[in-house]
Protein backbone atom coordinates (compact mmCIF):
# COMPACT_ATOMS: atom_id res chain seq x y z
CA MET A 1 -103.06 32.85 10.42
CA SER A 2 -104.66 34.71 13.46
CA LEU A 3 -103.11 34.80 16.78
CA GLU A 4 -106.38 33.52 18.06
CA PHE A 5 -105.86 30.34 15.81
CA LEU A 6 -102.30 29.87 17.56
CA ILE A 7 -103.94 30.01 21.03
CA SER A 8 -106.65 27.48 20.13
CA TYR A 9 -104.20 25.03 18.88
CA PHE A 10 -102.25 25.24 22.21
CA LEU A 11 -105.54 25.21 24.14
CA LYS A 12 -106.30 21.90 22.68
CA LYS A 13 -103.27 20.31 24.14
CA ARG A 14 -103.48 18.81 27.65
CA ARG A 15 -99.99 19.47 28.57
CA VAL A 16 -97.95 22.43 28.10
CA VAL A 17 -94.87 20.21 27.83
CA PHE A 18 -96.26 18.80 24.46
CA ALA A 19 -96.68 22.17 23.10
CA PHE A 20 -93.11 23.16 23.88
CA LEU A 21 -91.91 19.86 22.25
CA PHE A 22 -93.93 20.60 19.17
CA LEU A 23 -92.56 24.11 18.88
CA PHE A 24 -88.98 22.76 19.33
CA ALA A 25 -89.40 20.10 16.67
CA PHE A 26 -90.80 22.56 14.31
CA LEU A 27 -87.89 24.92 14.75
CA ILE A 28 -85.15 22.36 14.36
CA TYR A 29 -86.65 19.94 11.70
CA PRO A 30 -85.65 21.22 8.10
CA SER A 31 -87.91 20.79 5.11
CA ASN A 32 -86.85 18.61 2.11
CA GLY A 33 -84.06 20.45 0.25
CA ALA A 34 -83.29 23.10 2.95
CA LEU A 35 -79.62 23.88 2.44
CA ALA A 36 -79.23 26.24 5.38
CA SER A 37 -80.95 27.46 8.43
CA GLY A 38 -83.03 30.49 8.12
CA CYS A 39 -86.09 31.37 5.93
CA SER A 40 -85.43 31.86 2.18
CA ALA A 41 -87.59 34.11 0.15
CA THR A 42 -89.96 32.14 -2.27
CA ASN A 43 -92.37 34.10 -4.45
CA VAL A 44 -95.49 32.32 -3.23
CA GLN A 45 -96.72 33.64 0.24
CA GLY A 46 -100.10 33.51 2.17
CA TYR A 47 -102.33 30.99 3.59
CA ALA A 48 -104.94 28.53 2.16
CA TRP A 49 -107.88 27.13 4.42
CA SER A 50 -109.38 23.64 4.83
CA ASP A 51 -112.28 23.16 7.00
CA ASN A 52 -110.65 19.74 7.72
CA ILE A 53 -106.92 20.49 8.47
CA GLY A 54 -107.02 24.35 9.21
CA TRP A 55 -104.39 26.93 7.88
CA ILE A 56 -101.95 25.83 5.19
CA SER A 57 -98.81 28.12 5.00
CA PHE A 58 -97.26 28.61 1.63
CA SER A 59 -93.98 30.39 2.99
CA CYS A 60 -91.94 30.50 6.18
CA LEU A 61 -91.99 34.22 5.58
CA ASN A 62 -95.68 34.09 6.98
CA GLU A 63 -94.42 33.10 10.43
CA TYR A 64 -91.00 34.08 10.92
CA GLU A 65 -88.60 36.93 10.32
CA VAL A 66 -86.03 36.17 7.73
CA GLY A 67 -83.25 34.20 8.89
CA ALA A 68 -85.21 32.62 11.86
CA GLY A 69 -87.22 29.47 11.86
CA VAL A 70 -87.53 26.55 9.35
CA ASP A 71 -86.85 26.95 5.67
CA TYR A 72 -89.65 26.22 3.48
CA GLY A 73 -91.92 27.69 0.91
CA VAL A 74 -93.65 27.28 -2.67
CA ASN A 75 -92.30 28.87 -5.73
CA LEU A 76 -93.94 29.85 -9.01
CA ASN A 77 -91.74 29.77 -12.06
CA LYS A 78 -92.98 32.75 -14.04
CA SER A 79 -91.57 31.49 -17.28
CA THR A 80 -92.85 27.83 -17.14
CA GLY A 81 -95.75 28.19 -14.66
CA ILE A 82 -94.47 25.21 -12.81
CA LEU A 83 -95.02 25.28 -8.95
CA THR A 84 -92.29 23.61 -6.65
CA GLY A 85 -91.42 23.45 -3.05
CA GLN A 86 -93.51 22.67 0.17
CA ALA A 87 -96.38 24.23 2.11
CA TRP A 88 -96.90 23.44 5.77
CA SER A 89 -100.00 22.37 7.79
CA ASP A 90 -99.88 21.94 11.62
CA SER A 91 -102.37 19.18 11.20
CA VAL A 92 -100.67 16.93 8.44
CA GLY A 93 -97.28 18.42 7.95
CA TRP A 94 -95.50 18.84 4.65
CA ILE A 95 -97.70 19.31 1.44
CA SER A 96 -95.14 18.88 -1.58
CA PHE A 97 -95.46 20.66 -4.99
CA ASP A 98 -92.09 19.04 -5.97
CA SER A 99 -92.23 16.94 -9.17
CA ALA A 100 -89.99 14.27 -7.47
CA ASP A 101 -92.80 13.77 -4.86
CA LEU A 102 -95.52 13.91 -7.51
CA ALA A 103 -94.48 10.72 -9.46
CA GLY A 104 -97.25 8.21 -9.73
CA CYS A 105 -100.13 10.66 -9.22
CA PRO A 106 -103.58 9.20 -9.70
CA SER A 107 -104.15 10.52 -13.23
CA GLY A 108 -103.12 12.94 -15.98
CA THR A 109 -100.24 15.12 -15.79
CA CYS A 110 -98.59 15.18 -12.30
CA GLU A 111 -96.57 18.26 -12.11
CA ALA A 112 -98.25 21.23 -10.43
CA LYS A 113 -98.51 24.03 -13.14
CA ILE A 114 -100.34 27.25 -13.95
CA SER A 115 -101.46 27.44 -17.58
CA SER A 116 -103.58 30.21 -19.08
CA GLY A 117 -104.62 31.28 -15.41
CA SER A 118 -105.62 27.76 -14.42
CA ALA A 119 -103.83 25.06 -12.12
CA THR A 120 -103.54 21.62 -13.39
CA GLY A 121 -101.82 18.59 -11.72
CA TRP A 122 -101.43 17.50 -8.12
CA ALA A 123 -100.07 18.27 -4.68
CA LYS A 124 -99.15 15.60 -2.05
CA VAL A 125 -99.67 15.37 1.65
CA VAL A 126 -96.39 13.62 2.36
CA SER A 127 -97.04 12.17 5.80
CA GLU A 128 -100.47 10.82 4.71
CA ASP A 129 -99.39 9.65 1.16
CA GLU A 130 -102.73 11.51 0.05
CA TRP A 131 -103.22 13.44 -3.15
CA ILE A 132 -104.52 16.90 -3.65
CA SER A 133 -106.06 17.56 -7.08
CA LEU A 134 -105.60 21.20 -8.20
CA SER A 135 -108.48 20.92 -10.74
CA GLY A 136 -111.08 18.43 -11.96
CA THR A 137 -114.62 17.47 -11.92
CA ILE A 138 -116.61 16.86 -8.81
CA GLU A 139 -117.49 13.16 -8.19
CA GLY A 140 -120.96 12.27 -9.26
CA SER A 141 -121.66 15.42 -11.16
CA VAL A 142 -120.42 17.56 -14.07
CA GLU A 143 -119.59 20.45 -12.11
CA GLU A 144 -115.97 21.43 -12.22
CA TYR A 145 -113.52 22.91 -9.67
CA GLY A 146 -110.08 24.27 -9.65
CA VAL A 147 -107.46 26.55 -8.44
CA GLU A 148 -107.25 29.85 -10.65
CA PHE A 149 -104.30 32.41 -10.84
CA THR A 150 -105.01 36.09 -11.84
CA HIS A 151 -101.70 37.90 -11.22
CA PRO A 152 -100.92 38.22 -8.40
CA ASP A 153 -103.54 36.08 -6.46
CA PHE A 154 -104.62 32.54 -6.38
CA SER A 155 -108.29 31.66 -5.88
CA GLY A 156 -110.62 28.82 -6.12
CA TYR A 157 -110.69 25.32 -4.69
CA ALA A 158 -108.52 22.01 -4.65
CA TRP A 159 -109.71 18.79 -3.50
CA GLY A 160 -107.81 16.80 -0.99
CA ASP A 161 -109.98 13.67 -0.70
CA GLU A 162 -110.32 12.15 2.64
CA THR A 163 -107.96 14.01 5.01
CA ALA A 164 -107.71 17.66 3.54
CA GLY A 165 -111.00 17.96 1.99
CA TRP A 166 -111.75 21.27 0.05
CA ILE A 167 -108.86 23.65 0.12
CA SER A 168 -109.76 27.44 -0.40
CA PHE A 169 -107.06 29.64 -1.74
CA ASN A 170 -108.74 32.96 -1.25
CA CYS A 171 -111.22 34.24 1.27
CA ALA A 172 -113.15 35.51 -1.68
CA ASP A 173 -114.06 31.92 -2.49
CA ALA A 174 -116.32 31.69 0.41
CA GLY A 175 -117.05 35.52 0.80
CA THR A 176 -115.40 35.60 4.17
CA CYS A 177 -112.82 38.44 3.64
CA ALA A 178 -114.46 40.80 5.88
CA THR A 179 -114.10 38.39 9.00
CA SER A 180 -111.12 36.27 7.86
CA ASP A 181 -108.76 37.96 5.38
CA TYR A 182 -106.48 35.37 3.69
CA LYS A 183 -105.24 34.21 0.33
CA VAL A 184 -102.35 32.81 -1.44
CA GLU A 185 -100.53 35.22 -3.64
CA VAL A 186 -97.32 35.79 -5.66
CA THR A 187 -95.23 38.61 -4.39
CA THR A 188 -94.94 41.38 -6.95
CA THR A 189 -93.34 44.18 -5.28
CA GLN A 190 -90.15 42.39 -3.84
CA ILE A 191 -87.01 41.08 -5.64
CA ASN A 192 -85.29 38.07 -4.05
CA ILE A 193 -81.56 37.88 -3.62
CA LYS A 194 -79.41 34.93 -2.20
CA THR A 195 -75.65 35.05 -1.29
CA ASP A 196 -73.90 32.09 -2.65
CA SER A 197 -70.15 31.44 -2.37
CA ALA A 198 -66.76 33.15 -2.44
CA VAL A 199 -63.99 31.54 -4.56
CA VAL A 200 -60.42 32.61 -3.23
CA SER A 201 -57.41 32.57 -5.38
CA TYR A 202 -53.93 33.92 -4.45
CA ASP A 203 -50.98 35.10 -6.62
CA GLU A 204 -47.84 34.57 -4.65
CA ALA A 205 -45.77 36.79 -6.99
CA THR A 206 -47.94 39.91 -6.47
CA ASP A 207 -49.21 38.89 -2.93
CA ILE A 208 -52.69 39.54 -4.12
CA ALA A 209 -55.90 37.55 -3.28
CA THR A 210 -58.59 37.70 -5.95
CA VAL A 211 -62.04 36.72 -4.56
CA GLU A 212 -65.01 35.93 -6.91
CA LEU A 213 -68.25 36.70 -4.94
CA GLN A 214 -71.18 34.91 -6.16
CA GLY A 215 -74.93 35.48 -5.63
CA ARG A 216 -78.31 34.76 -7.23
CA LEU A 217 -81.32 36.87 -8.28
CA THR A 218 -84.12 34.35 -7.57
CA GLY A 219 -87.11 36.83 -7.95
CA LEU A 220 -87.43 39.72 -10.35
CA GLY A 221 -90.64 41.12 -8.81
CA VAL A 222 -92.35 43.34 -11.41
CA SER A 223 -89.03 45.02 -12.42
CA SER A 224 -87.56 44.70 -15.96
CA ASP A 225 -83.98 45.12 -14.57
CA VAL A 226 -82.48 45.08 -11.20
CA GLU A 227 -79.24 46.64 -9.87
CA VAL A 228 -77.10 43.95 -7.89
CA TRP A 229 -73.89 44.36 -5.95
CA PHE A 230 -71.93 43.04 -3.16
CA GLU A 231 -71.01 44.30 0.42
CA TRP A 232 -68.00 42.99 2.38
CA GLY A 233 -65.80 43.91 5.24
CA GLU A 234 -63.85 42.54 7.97
CA THR A 235 -66.74 42.40 10.32
CA GLU A 236 -70.48 42.15 9.87
CA GLY A 237 -70.85 45.73 11.21
CA THR A 238 -68.26 47.19 8.81
CA MET A 239 -69.53 45.72 5.44
CA THR A 240 -69.71 48.38 2.81
CA GLN A 241 -70.90 48.59 -0.81
CA ASP A 242 -68.26 47.80 -3.15
CA VAL A 243 -69.05 50.21 -6.12
CA GLY A 244 -67.05 47.97 -8.37
CA THR A 245 -69.25 45.12 -8.13
CA ILE A 246 -72.39 47.04 -9.19
CA GLN A 247 -74.17 45.72 -12.15
CA THR A 248 -77.58 45.61 -13.88
CA VAL A 249 -79.35 42.28 -14.52
CA THR A 250 -82.60 41.76 -16.60
CA GLU A 251 -83.53 38.19 -15.62
CA GLU A 252 -83.37 35.72 -12.75
CA GLY A 253 -79.98 33.70 -12.36
CA GLU A 254 -76.34 33.83 -10.99
CA PHE A 255 -74.33 36.93 -10.91
CA SER A 256 -70.70 37.33 -9.70
CA ALA A 257 -67.96 39.98 -9.20
CA GLU A 258 -64.27 39.99 -8.44
CA ILE A 259 -62.59 42.09 -5.60
CA THR A 260 -59.00 42.10 -4.76
CA ILE A 261 -57.11 42.08 -1.26
CA ALA A 262 -53.57 43.15 -1.33
CA SER A 263 -51.12 41.71 1.07
CA PRO A 264 -53.70 39.24 2.77
CA VAL A 265 -52.93 37.77 6.10
CA THR A 266 -53.31 34.06 6.12
CA GLY A 267 -56.53 32.84 7.73
CA ASP A 268 -58.15 36.25 7.94
CA VAL A 269 -61.93 36.00 7.82
CA TYR A 270 -64.06 38.33 5.70
CA TYR A 271 -67.97 38.88 5.78
CA PHE A 272 -69.97 39.49 2.60
CA ARG A 273 -73.62 39.46 1.17
CA ALA A 274 -75.30 39.95 -2.17
CA ALA A 275 -77.71 42.79 -2.41
CA GLY A 276 -80.15 44.11 -4.96
CA GLU A 277 -82.49 47.11 -5.63
CA ASP A 278 -85.42 48.09 -7.83
CA ASP A 279 -88.12 50.63 -7.48
CA SER A 280 -89.60 48.79 -4.48
CA GLY A 281 -86.46 49.28 -2.46
CA GLU A 282 -83.20 47.27 -1.39
CA VAL A 283 -83.08 43.61 -0.62
CA TYR A 284 -80.15 41.56 1.00
CA GLY A 285 -79.11 37.97 0.91
CA LEU A 286 -77.73 36.28 4.12
CA THR A 287 -74.33 37.29 5.41
CA LYS A 288 -71.45 34.66 4.90
CA THR A 289 -67.80 34.53 5.21
CA PHE A 290 -64.74 33.65 3.34
CA SER A 291 -61.08 33.14 4.52
CA LEU A 292 -57.91 34.06 2.66
CA LEU A 293 -56.20 30.84 2.09
CA THR A 294 -53.41 30.44 -0.39
CA CYS A 295 -53.92 26.66 -0.44
CA ASN A 296 -57.32 26.25 -1.92
CA TYR A 297 -59.84 23.28 -1.84
CA ASN A 298 -59.28 20.29 -4.13
CA ASN A 299 -61.18 17.10 -3.69
CA ILE A 300 -58.22 14.55 -3.90
CA ARG A 301 -55.79 14.13 -1.12
CA GLY A 302 -52.96 11.97 0.03
CA TYR A 303 -49.65 10.60 -1.32
CA ALA A 304 -48.62 8.01 -3.94
CA TRP A 305 -45.23 6.27 -3.63
CA SER A 306 -42.35 5.75 -6.27
CA ASP A 307 -39.37 3.72 -5.34
CA ASN A 308 -37.46 5.83 -7.77
CA ILE A 309 -38.67 9.42 -6.80
CA GLY A 310 -40.24 9.10 -3.29
CA TRP A 311 -43.49 10.72 -2.38
CA ILE A 312 -45.97 12.43 -4.72
CA SER A 313 -48.29 14.80 -3.02
CA PHE A 314 -51.90 15.16 -4.68
CA SER A 315 -52.77 18.25 -2.61
CA CYS A 316 -51.06 21.30 -1.09
CA LEU A 317 -53.21 20.51 2.00
CA ASN A 318 -51.00 17.43 2.82
CA GLU A 319 -48.04 19.46 3.41
CA TYR A 320 -48.99 22.70 4.72
CA ASN A 321 -51.17 24.30 7.34
CA VAL A 322 -54.36 25.53 5.48
CA GLY A 323 -53.34 28.97 3.98
CA GLU A 324 -49.60 28.22 3.62
CA GLY A 325 -47.58 27.16 0.76
CA VAL A 326 -48.12 26.85 -3.02
CA ASP A 327 -51.61 26.24 -4.39
CA TYR A 328 -51.88 22.95 -6.13
CA GLY A 329 -54.01 19.91 -6.12
CA VAL A 330 -55.68 17.15 -8.41
CA ASN A 331 -59.42 17.05 -8.66
CA PHE A 332 -61.80 14.25 -9.72
CA SER A 333 -65.15 15.07 -11.29
CA TYR A 334 -67.98 12.61 -10.79
CA GLU A 335 -69.77 14.43 -13.79
CA THR A 336 -67.20 13.96 -16.38
CA ASN A 337 -65.05 11.20 -14.76
CA LEU A 338 -61.87 13.17 -15.52
CA LEU A 339 -58.83 13.92 -13.38
CA SER A 340 -57.39 17.55 -13.54
CA GLY A 341 -54.85 19.53 -11.78
CA TYR A 342 -51.34 18.93 -10.80
CA ALA A 343 -49.42 16.60 -8.24
CA TRP A 344 -45.92 17.56 -6.86
CA SER A 345 -42.78 15.57 -6.49
CA GLY A 346 -39.80 16.98 -4.56
CA THR A 347 -37.57 15.06 -7.16
CA VAL A 348 -39.16 15.54 -10.63
CA GLY A 349 -41.37 18.69 -9.95
CA TRP A 350 -44.89 18.97 -11.26
CA ILE A 351 -46.83 15.93 -12.58
CA SER A 352 -49.72 17.23 -14.57
CA PHE A 353 -53.33 15.76 -15.30
CA GLU A 354 -54.35 18.64 -17.27
CA GLU A 355 -55.94 17.87 -20.60
CA ASP A 356 -54.01 20.54 -22.36
CA ASP A 357 -50.57 19.14 -21.12
CA LEU A 358 -51.59 15.62 -22.29
CA VAL A 359 -52.03 16.28 -25.81
CA GLY A 360 -49.67 14.12 -27.82
CA CYS A 361 -49.44 11.31 -25.62
CA PRO A 362 -47.94 7.95 -26.66
CA THR A 363 -51.28 6.29 -27.46
CA ALA A 364 -54.76 7.68 -27.43
CA PRO A 365 -56.91 8.45 -25.46
CA CYS A 366 -54.77 10.87 -23.62
CA GLU A 367 -57.14 12.37 -21.03
CA ALA A 368 -56.80 10.94 -17.48
CA ARG A 369 -60.13 9.25 -16.85
CA VAL A 370 -61.96 6.81 -14.35
CA GLU A 371 -64.52 4.68 -16.07
CA GLY A 372 -66.25 2.25 -13.49
CA THR A 373 -63.51 1.49 -11.28
CA GLU A 374 -60.61 1.57 -13.86
CA ALA A 375 -58.28 4.48 -14.71
CA SER A 376 -56.97 5.05 -18.24
CA GLY A 377 -55.01 7.61 -20.11
CA TRP A 378 -51.83 9.42 -18.91
CA ALA A 379 -50.14 11.98 -16.52
CA LYS A 380 -47.03 13.88 -17.44
CA VAL A 381 -43.83 15.04 -15.69
CA LEU A 382 -43.48 18.61 -17.14
CA ASP A 383 -39.89 19.24 -16.34
CA SER A 384 -38.74 16.02 -18.18
CA ASP A 385 -41.66 15.42 -20.59
CA GLU A 386 -41.97 11.83 -19.27
CA TRP A 387 -45.24 10.15 -19.64
CA ILE A 388 -47.00 8.12 -16.79
CA SER A 389 -49.45 5.57 -17.92
CA LEU A 390 -52.36 4.91 -15.63
CA SER A 391 -53.13 1.44 -17.13
CA GLY A 392 -51.69 -0.96 -19.72
CA THR A 393 -49.72 -3.99 -19.98
CA ALA A 394 -46.12 -4.47 -18.53
CA VAL A 395 -43.12 -5.92 -20.52
CA ASP A 396 -43.71 -9.22 -18.88
CA LEU A 397 -47.18 -9.25 -20.28
CA THR A 398 -49.01 -8.72 -16.96
CA ASP A 399 -51.74 -5.93 -16.76
CA TYR A 400 -51.31 -3.06 -14.42
CA GLY A 401 -53.57 -0.10 -13.55
CA VAL A 402 -55.05 2.32 -11.14
CA GLU A 403 -58.34 1.48 -9.71
CA PHE A 404 -60.80 3.66 -7.92
CA VAL A 405 -63.34 2.27 -5.43
CA SER A 406 -64.90 5.44 -3.86
CA PRO A 407 -63.29 7.03 -1.93
CA ASP A 408 -59.98 5.28 -2.43
CA PHE A 409 -57.49 4.98 -5.34
CA SER A 410 -55.26 1.87 -5.41
CA GLY A 411 -53.02 -0.02 -7.94
CA TYR A 412 -49.96 0.95 -10.06
CA ALA A 413 -49.08 3.48 -12.78
CA TRP A 414 -45.99 3.34 -14.77
CA GLY A 415 -43.60 5.98 -15.49
CA ASP A 416 -41.08 4.92 -18.17
CA GLY A 417 -37.75 6.41 -17.25
CA ILE A 418 -37.06 8.35 -14.33
CA VAL A 419 -40.48 7.70 -12.35
CA GLY A 420 -40.71 4.03 -12.55
CA TRP A 421 -43.64 2.20 -10.74
CA VAL A 422 -45.99 4.41 -8.88
CA THR A 423 -48.28 2.90 -6.16
CA PHE A 424 -51.45 4.76 -5.04
CA ASN A 425 -52.18 2.85 -1.82
CA CYS A 426 -50.21 1.18 0.98
CA ILE A 427 -52.23 -1.96 0.43
CA ASP A 428 -50.73 -2.58 -2.86
CA GLU A 429 -47.47 -3.46 -1.07
CA GLY A 430 -49.11 -4.93 2.00
CA ILE A 431 -47.35 -2.34 4.13
CA CYS A 432 -50.09 -0.29 5.84
CA SER A 433 -49.23 -1.21 9.26
CA THR A 434 -45.96 0.50 9.08
CA ILE A 435 -46.48 3.32 6.21
CA ASP A 436 -49.99 4.31 6.01
CA TYR A 437 -50.48 6.11 2.81
CA LYS A 438 -53.12 6.50 -0.07
CA VAL A 439 -54.62 8.65 -2.65
CA TYR A 440 -58.30 9.34 -1.98
CA VAL A 441 -61.31 11.61 -2.87
CA THR A 442 -62.73 13.45 -0.14
CA GLN A 443 -66.48 12.63 0.05
CA LEU A 444 -67.69 16.20 1.07
CA THR A 445 -65.82 19.07 2.58
CA LEU A 446 -66.09 19.91 6.28
CA LEU A 447 -69.36 21.85 6.53
CA ALA A 448 -71.24 23.19 9.64
CA ARG A 449 -74.60 24.95 10.09
CA THR A 450 -75.86 26.98 12.73
CA ASP A 451 -79.61 26.33 13.43
CA PRO A 452 -82.05 28.48 15.74
CA ALA A 453 -81.58 28.48 19.52
CA VAL A 454 -84.37 27.52 22.11
CA VAL A 455 -84.54 29.71 25.22
CA ILE A 456 -86.44 28.61 28.40
CA TYR A 457 -86.37 31.07 31.25
CA ASN A 458 -86.66 30.12 34.91
CA LYS A 459 -88.29 33.00 36.86
CA GLU A 460 -87.90 31.57 40.40
CA ASP A 461 -84.25 31.41 39.97
CA ASP A 462 -83.68 34.22 37.40
CA PHE A 463 -81.73 32.22 35.06
CA ALA A 464 -82.24 31.19 31.22
CA THR A 465 -81.26 27.86 29.81
CA VAL A 466 -80.34 28.25 26.12
CA ILE A 467 -80.31 25.23 23.87
CA LEU A 468 -77.82 25.99 21.09
CA ASN A 469 -78.22 23.97 17.89
CA GLY A 470 -76.07 22.97 15.11
CA MET A 471 -75.75 20.61 12.22
CA LEU A 472 -72.63 18.89 10.84
CA LEU A 473 -73.35 18.41 7.18
CA GLY A 474 -70.13 17.00 5.94
CA MET A 475 -66.94 15.49 7.53
CA GLY A 476 -64.59 15.75 4.53
CA ALA A 477 -62.37 12.55 4.78
CA ALA A 478 -62.29 12.82 8.59
CA SER A 479 -63.20 9.79 10.78
CA GLU A 480 -64.16 12.29 13.55
CA VAL A 481 -64.83 15.93 13.94
CA ASP A 482 -64.72 18.26 16.92
CA VAL A 483 -67.83 20.51 17.21
CA TRP A 484 -68.81 23.40 19.59
CA PHE A 485 -70.36 26.74 19.75
CA GLU A 486 -69.08 30.18 20.06
CA TRP A 487 -71.29 32.91 21.66
CA SER A 488 -71.39 36.35 23.10
CA ASN A 489 -73.46 39.51 23.58
CA ASP A 490 -71.12 41.00 21.08
CA SER A 491 -71.44 39.51 17.39
CA ASP A 492 -67.90 40.83 16.59
CA ALA A 493 -66.38 39.10 19.70
CA LEU A 494 -67.85 35.53 19.89
CA VAL A 495 -66.05 33.33 22.56
CA LEU A 496 -65.56 29.53 22.36
CA ASP A 497 -67.55 27.93 24.93
CA GLY A 498 -65.46 24.96 25.99
CA ASP A 499 -68.19 23.12 27.82
CA THR A 500 -70.05 22.77 24.44
CA LEU A 501 -67.14 20.89 23.00
CA GLN A 502 -67.84 17.45 21.62
CA THR A 503 -66.59 14.88 19.05
CA MET A 504 -68.71 13.37 16.30
CA THR A 505 -68.03 10.49 14.24
CA ASP A 506 -71.17 10.97 11.69
CA THR A 507 -72.86 13.89 10.20
CA GLY A 508 -76.11 15.07 11.92
CA ALA A 509 -77.47 17.57 14.36
CA PHE A 510 -75.70 18.51 17.68
CA SER A 511 -76.62 20.86 20.45
CA SER A 512 -75.42 22.16 24.04
CA GLU A 513 -77.14 23.70 26.94
CA VAL A 514 -75.72 27.19 28.24
CA VAL A 515 -76.83 28.87 31.22
CA ILE A 516 -77.09 32.70 31.66
CA ASN A 517 -77.76 33.97 35.20
CA THR A 518 -79.64 37.07 35.99
CA PRO A 519 -80.22 37.87 32.21
CA VAL A 520 -81.02 41.38 31.17
CA GLN A 521 -84.55 41.96 29.70
CA GLY A 522 -84.37 41.97 25.97
CA GLU A 523 -80.73 41.39 25.74
CA THR A 524 -79.47 39.95 22.34
CA TYR A 525 -76.86 37.23 22.30
CA TYR A 526 -75.08 35.92 19.14
CA PHE A 527 -73.93 32.45 18.47
CA ARG A 528 -72.55 30.14 15.71
CA ALA A 529 -71.72 26.46 15.35
CA MET A 530 -68.05 25.50 14.64
CA ALA A 531 -66.33 22.42 13.53
CA GLU A 532 -62.88 21.10 13.09
CA SER A 533 -61.00 18.21 11.60
CA THR A 534 -57.35 17.52 11.02
CA GLU A 535 -57.80 19.01 7.69
CA ARG A 536 -59.66 22.30 8.22
CA LYS A 537 -62.11 24.35 10.22
CA ALA A 538 -65.50 25.27 9.30
CA GLN A 539 -68.05 27.64 10.89
CA GLY A 540 -71.84 28.19 10.38
CA SER A 541 -73.63 31.51 10.13
CA ILE A 542 -74.14 33.88 13.10
CA LEU A 543 -77.47 33.78 14.54
CA ASN A 544 -78.94 35.36 17.69
CA PHE A 545 -81.44 34.97 20.48
CA GLU A 546 -82.99 37.10 23.07
CA ILE A 547 -83.59 36.60 26.86
CA SER A 548 -87.05 37.63 28.07
CA ARG A 549 -87.55 37.48 31.73
CA THR A 550 -91.27 36.73 31.94
CA ASP A 551 -93.71 34.38 33.86
CA GLY A 552 -94.14 32.35 30.75
CA ASP A 553 -92.84 28.82 29.90
CA ILE A 554 -93.01 29.20 26.11
CA ILE A 555 -91.81 32.11 24.03
CA VAL A 556 -92.60 32.05 20.30
CA LYS A 557 -92.24 34.57 17.38
CA TYR A 558 -95.51 35.43 15.52
CA LYS A 559 -94.97 37.29 12.10
CA GLY A 560 -91.67 38.66 13.42
CA GLU A 561 -92.94 39.84 16.85
CA GLN A 562 -92.15 38.10 19.86
CA LYS A 563 -95.21 36.85 21.84
CA ILE A 564 -95.26 35.17 25.22
CA ILE A 565 -97.48 32.33 26.05
CA ASP A 566 -98.18 32.77 29.86
CA ILE A 567 -99.66 29.94 32.11
CA ASN A 568 -101.67 31.72 34.86
CA SER A 569 -102.56 30.46 38.23
CA GLY A 570 -105.71 28.96 36.99
CA GLY A 571 -103.79 26.80 34.36
CA LYS A 572 -105.21 29.06 31.51
CA ILE A 573 -103.22 30.32 28.57
CA GLU A 574 -102.76 33.80 28.23
CA ILE A 575 -101.01 35.78 25.35
CA GLN A 576 -98.75 38.85 26.37
């Protein structure tokens, strides 16, 4: 895509305001399946061309630096030949190669696939519900068309019916490379690395935290093997390679390594990223953070009640500030329908839902399970070897049991002997107005994301208005969550901006305006989105923006380089 094309696009618009709104919407609107702000590395890049709809971009890396802009792209699985992901057209929007979007295609096999150097199947213009054929026969003739792939380049034509028309994948198709050099290609010299999660566990006896750092190699390039490792530190600026995490991998997929931190301080935040290297050079994943918490995440919260033994806690997060106390909790798997882990009673000690502890239960099946809405199986008081039945028939021949209607448990379990009847919800006894308790599954952990900022500079009064953007992706079990932004010109010293504080009662985007007076030309500022509920605090990645003191109304990034669209006195658009 040439800079001239961008200029011509904006010249077609009657009002500069419309152009700004288009850019703003494009920056903050996530593609289908985007999990985080930023531009992930897919292995298909470049542009195709249609005389009807113009340029079609196959990767956000075409237009933005890694980590800025909207996350989208098309990927070729080198093992199966299947294409996935989305391409972008300024005219018609998202063009999908994902199999879920291709169900119900006009004919033949729907999935977009490269086999023996030729493409088969379909793509789809999502907004128009229009199909794009990757190969076929021209209507009314016997002449065939199609997209071809000779590593690393695509070539040939696809047909998009009424809207898209003929789509060329390579300037060589029309012999125009001397004047308009474009093509869609698979990257061959770049490996792709992603940073995933960090899983923290703490041993109170040794006062050592063990952290499993997790990453993924999503592209091998032309390498037969890739050296991967992790870098971490107390700040982004002090991350160093951990030699103990270096390993060699020979295929795409997940990799991980363990590090240990002695005498950790509760709540301390560490930064880490996955990295890799082959003959083409080093590649890094996004920088993420983890906290040293001695009470780790489990997805069941709350208390049950027994008249005999009192409160039974299903998570250490019930009783302690995050990061304090003993690490325990019960989990429910939506995949296996099994309960696992440990609850705690101050009277009888540990109550186990672990399969290994339940062997030899009074009657099979022993495992603690939820089928539909009904619980079955057993739990066990470890100290006294007493069994707790999750469903059954009482001595008076009445049925009892624990029920699960997401996200809440209710009903009764029976612990013959010491425990007696255990109620899982205050509604069982009709006492919620005076004692509000229940056992419940958190729908999703508290999760916040930082999205790109939009900068508008006012030359006349010499100040910049910056729109900080974030996304609340999950609220956990909270009914409301406080969100805000932290920002500064020092990435290691972000400051909470109290004016950005707001309360949300549902997931979704949030934003705030901050004003920077007399900004310094080219100064870089750092910011991140924050969220906090009564359970925990979450933070997004740290992104940045720059202040440019210009005459322009709109500032864009083009292929990683900042360009300024300036409106001169005659009302014409000029590019600086």
